[in-house]
N, C-alpha and C. Protein backbone atom coordinates (compact mmCIF):
# COMPACT_ATOMS: atom_id res chain seq x y z
N UNK A 1 0.85 -1.18 0.01
CA UNK A 1 0.00 0.00 0.00
C UNK A 1 0.90 1.23 0.00
N UNK A 2 0.53 2.23 -0.77
CA UNK A 2 1.34 3.46 -0.89
C UNK A 2 1.23 4.29 0.39
N UNK A 3 2.22 5.16 0.64
CA UNK A 3 2.14 6.08 1.79
C UNK A 3 0.89 6.95 1.75
N UNK A 4 0.49 7.39 0.55
CA UNK A 4 -0.71 8.23 0.43
C UNK A 4 -1.96 7.47 0.84
N UNK A 5 -2.03 6.19 0.41
CA UNK A 5 -3.19 5.36 0.78
C UNK A 5 -3.23 5.11 2.28
N UNK A 6 -2.07 4.87 2.89
CA UNK A 6 -2.04 4.65 4.34
C UNK A 6 -2.45 5.90 5.08
N UNK A 7 -1.95 7.06 4.64
CA UNK A 7 -2.32 8.32 5.28
C UNK A 7 -3.82 8.59 5.12
N UNK A 8 -4.35 8.33 3.94
CA UNK A 8 -5.79 8.50 3.71
C UNK A 8 -6.60 7.59 4.59
N UNK A 9 -6.15 6.35 4.77
CA UNK A 9 -6.86 5.42 5.64
C UNK A 9 -6.85 5.90 7.08
N UNK A 10 -5.72 6.44 7.54
CA UNK A 10 -5.66 6.98 8.89
C UNK A 10 -6.64 8.14 9.06
N UNK A 11 -6.73 9.00 8.06
CA UNK A 11 -7.64 10.13 8.14
C UNK A 11 -9.09 9.65 8.20
N UNK A 12 -9.41 8.63 7.41
CA UNK A 12 -10.77 8.07 7.46
C UNK A 12 -11.07 7.45 8.81
N UNK A 13 -10.08 6.78 9.35
CA UNK A 13 -10.27 6.09 10.63
C UNK A 13 -10.31 7.05 11.81
N UNK A 14 -9.38 8.00 11.84
CA UNK A 14 -9.24 8.87 12.99
C UNK A 14 -9.93 10.23 12.82
N UNK A 15 -10.35 10.55 11.60
CA UNK A 15 -10.95 11.84 11.34
C UNK A 15 -9.91 12.89 11.02
N UNK A 16 -10.34 14.08 10.75
CA UNK A 16 -9.43 15.16 10.43
C UNK A 16 -8.70 15.62 11.69
N UNK A 17 -7.45 15.98 11.52
CA UNK A 17 -6.64 16.46 12.65
C UNK A 17 -6.58 17.97 12.59
N UNK A 18 -6.44 18.61 13.74
CA UNK A 18 -6.37 20.06 13.77
C UNK A 18 -4.93 20.57 13.70
N UNK A 19 -4.03 19.74 13.25
CA UNK A 19 -2.63 20.12 13.03
C UNK A 19 -2.09 19.30 11.87
N UNK A 20 -0.95 19.73 11.34
CA UNK A 20 -0.32 19.00 10.26
C UNK A 20 0.64 17.97 10.86
N UNK A 21 0.28 16.69 10.83
CA UNK A 21 1.15 15.68 11.44
C UNK A 21 2.50 15.55 10.75
N UNK A 22 2.60 16.05 9.54
CA UNK A 22 3.89 16.00 8.83
C UNK A 22 4.84 17.13 9.25
N UNK A 23 4.35 18.01 10.12
CA UNK A 23 5.16 19.16 10.53
C UNK A 23 5.53 19.10 12.01
N UNK A 24 5.50 17.92 12.60
CA UNK A 24 5.88 17.77 14.01
C UNK A 24 7.34 18.14 14.14
N UNK A 25 7.67 19.16 14.96
CA UNK A 25 9.05 19.65 14.99
C UNK A 25 10.02 18.86 15.85
N UNK A 26 9.52 18.04 16.76
CA UNK A 26 10.43 17.34 17.66
C UNK A 26 10.73 15.92 17.18
N UNK A 27 11.81 15.34 17.68
CA UNK A 27 12.12 13.94 17.31
C UNK A 27 10.99 13.01 17.73
N UNK A 28 10.73 12.01 16.91
CA UNK A 28 9.68 11.04 17.20
C UNK A 28 10.29 9.63 17.09
N UNK A 29 10.06 8.83 18.10
CA UNK A 29 10.52 7.45 18.11
C UNK A 29 9.31 6.54 17.98
N UNK A 30 9.25 5.77 16.91
CA UNK A 30 8.16 4.81 16.73
C UNK A 30 8.67 3.43 17.10
N UNK A 31 7.87 2.71 17.89
CA UNK A 31 8.20 1.35 18.26
C UNK A 31 7.02 0.49 17.85
N UNK A 32 7.31 -0.57 17.10
CA UNK A 32 6.25 -1.47 16.65
C UNK A 32 6.79 -2.88 16.58
N UNK A 33 5.92 -3.83 16.71
CA UNK A 33 6.30 -5.22 16.52
C UNK A 33 6.29 -5.55 15.04
N UNK A 34 7.18 -6.43 14.63
CA UNK A 34 7.26 -6.81 13.22
C UNK A 34 5.95 -7.40 12.73
N UNK A 35 5.20 -8.04 13.61
CA UNK A 35 3.95 -8.68 13.21
C UNK A 35 2.72 -7.78 13.37
N UNK A 36 2.90 -6.57 13.85
CA UNK A 36 1.76 -5.67 14.07
C UNK A 36 1.22 -5.12 12.77
N UNK A 37 -0.09 -5.01 12.68
CA UNK A 37 -0.70 -4.45 11.48
C UNK A 37 -0.39 -2.97 11.33
N UNK A 38 0.00 -2.31 12.39
CA UNK A 38 0.34 -0.90 12.34
C UNK A 38 1.76 -0.61 11.89
N UNK A 39 2.57 -1.63 11.71
CA UNK A 39 3.97 -1.42 11.31
C UNK A 39 4.09 -0.61 10.01
N UNK A 40 3.28 -0.88 8.99
CA UNK A 40 3.40 -0.06 7.77
C UNK A 40 3.07 1.42 8.01
N UNK A 41 2.15 1.70 8.91
CA UNK A 41 1.80 3.09 9.21
C UNK A 41 3.00 3.78 9.87
N UNK A 42 3.64 3.10 10.79
CA UNK A 42 4.82 3.69 11.44
C UNK A 42 5.90 3.97 10.41
N UNK A 43 6.09 3.08 9.47
CA UNK A 43 7.11 3.27 8.43
C UNK A 43 6.77 4.50 7.58
N UNK A 44 5.50 4.73 7.28
CA UNK A 44 5.10 5.91 6.52
C UNK A 44 5.45 7.18 7.30
N UNK A 45 5.14 7.22 8.57
CA UNK A 45 5.42 8.42 9.36
C UNK A 45 6.91 8.66 9.47
N UNK A 46 7.69 7.61 9.63
CA UNK A 46 9.14 7.77 9.71
C UNK A 46 9.68 8.33 8.40
N UNK A 47 9.09 7.95 7.29
CA UNK A 47 9.51 8.48 6.00
C UNK A 47 9.12 9.93 5.78
N UNK A 48 8.13 10.40 6.51
CA UNK A 48 7.64 11.77 6.32
C UNK A 48 8.15 12.77 7.34
N UNK A 49 8.42 12.32 8.54
CA UNK A 49 8.88 13.24 9.58
C UNK A 49 10.41 13.36 9.52
N UNK A 50 10.91 14.58 9.60
CA UNK A 50 12.34 14.77 9.39
C UNK A 50 13.23 14.17 10.47
N UNK A 51 12.73 14.07 11.69
CA UNK A 51 13.58 13.59 12.79
C UNK A 51 12.89 12.41 13.48
N UNK A 52 12.56 11.39 12.71
CA UNK A 52 11.87 10.22 13.28
C UNK A 52 12.69 8.97 13.05
N UNK A 53 12.57 8.05 13.98
CA UNK A 53 13.25 6.75 13.86
C UNK A 53 12.25 5.65 14.16
N UNK A 54 12.46 4.53 13.49
CA UNK A 54 11.58 3.36 13.66
C UNK A 54 12.36 2.25 14.34
N UNK A 55 11.76 1.71 15.38
CA UNK A 55 12.34 0.57 16.10
C UNK A 55 11.36 -0.59 15.95
N UNK A 56 11.78 -1.61 15.25
CA UNK A 56 10.91 -2.78 15.03
C UNK A 56 11.44 -3.90 15.89
N UNK A 57 10.57 -4.45 16.73
CA UNK A 57 10.94 -5.57 17.60
C UNK A 57 10.30 -6.83 17.07
N UNK A 58 10.94 -7.97 17.30
CA UNK A 58 10.34 -9.23 16.85
C UNK A 58 8.98 -9.46 17.50
N UNK A 59 8.08 -10.06 16.78
CA UNK A 59 6.77 -10.39 17.33
C UNK A 59 5.82 -9.20 17.26
N UNK A 60 4.94 -9.15 18.23
CA UNK A 60 3.94 -8.09 18.28
C UNK A 60 4.33 -6.97 19.21
N UNK A 61 3.46 -5.96 19.31
CA UNK A 61 3.76 -4.77 20.10
C UNK A 61 3.99 -5.05 21.57
N UNK A 62 3.47 -6.14 22.07
CA UNK A 62 3.68 -6.47 23.48
C UNK A 62 5.15 -6.71 23.77
N UNK A 63 5.95 -6.89 22.72
CA UNK A 63 7.40 -7.10 22.90
C UNK A 63 8.07 -5.90 23.53
N UNK A 64 7.44 -4.73 23.53
CA UNK A 64 8.05 -3.55 24.15
C UNK A 64 8.14 -3.73 25.65
N UNK A 65 7.53 -4.74 26.19
CA UNK A 65 7.64 -5.02 27.61
C UNK A 65 8.96 -5.71 27.95
N UNK A 66 9.70 -6.13 26.94
CA UNK A 66 10.99 -6.76 27.16
C UNK A 66 11.90 -5.80 27.93
N UNK A 67 12.52 -6.23 29.01
CA UNK A 67 13.33 -5.32 29.84
C UNK A 67 14.46 -4.62 29.07
N UNK A 68 15.13 -5.33 28.17
CA UNK A 68 16.23 -4.69 27.46
C UNK A 68 15.73 -3.59 26.53
N UNK A 69 14.58 -3.79 25.91
CA UNK A 69 14.01 -2.76 25.04
C UNK A 69 13.53 -1.58 25.88
N UNK A 70 12.94 -1.86 27.03
CA UNK A 70 12.51 -0.77 27.92
C UNK A 70 13.69 0.12 28.30
N UNK A 71 14.82 -0.51 28.61
CA UNK A 71 16.01 0.27 28.98
C UNK A 71 16.47 1.14 27.81
N UNK A 72 16.48 0.59 26.59
CA UNK A 72 16.89 1.36 25.42
C UNK A 72 15.94 2.54 25.20
N UNK A 73 14.63 2.30 25.32
CA UNK A 73 13.66 3.37 25.13
C UNK A 73 13.80 4.46 26.19
N UNK A 74 14.04 4.05 27.43
CA UNK A 74 14.20 5.04 28.49
C UNK A 74 15.47 5.87 28.26
N UNK A 75 16.54 5.24 27.76
CA UNK A 75 17.76 5.98 27.43
C UNK A 75 17.49 6.96 26.31
N UNK A 76 16.74 6.56 25.28
CA UNK A 76 16.39 7.47 24.18
C UNK A 76 15.59 8.65 24.71
N UNK A 77 14.59 8.37 25.53
CA UNK A 77 13.78 9.45 26.08
C UNK A 77 14.60 10.37 26.96
N UNK A 78 15.47 9.79 27.74
CA UNK A 78 16.33 10.61 28.62
C UNK A 78 17.26 11.50 27.83
N UNK A 79 17.83 10.97 26.77
CA UNK A 79 18.75 11.80 25.97
C UNK A 79 17.98 12.89 25.23
N UNK A 80 16.77 12.62 24.82
CA UNK A 80 15.96 13.62 24.14
C UNK A 80 15.58 14.75 25.10
N UNK A 81 15.31 14.40 26.34
CA UNK A 81 14.89 15.39 27.32
C UNK A 81 16.06 16.32 27.72
N UNK A 82 17.27 15.79 27.68
CA UNK A 82 18.41 16.61 28.10
C UNK A 82 19.15 17.21 26.91
N UNK A 83 18.82 16.73 25.68
CA UNK A 83 19.54 17.18 24.49
C UNK A 83 18.99 18.43 23.99
């Protein structure tokens, strides 16, 4: 599915937004499971936002409960807050 089709589907599902999601000025970290249906949406946003990164974990989104991944995410958030 094309990025435009995915974005259009999100708009249909979530409705119109009162801001331009492509103009988010701060870094964005996306975390998704490789098996999650939302993984393609995260990839579209990472391709559109200038300072976004995608972290794909094996399995589904519940994998973010893995302690090693939690530590990595907390380090990312900590560095963003102090950077």
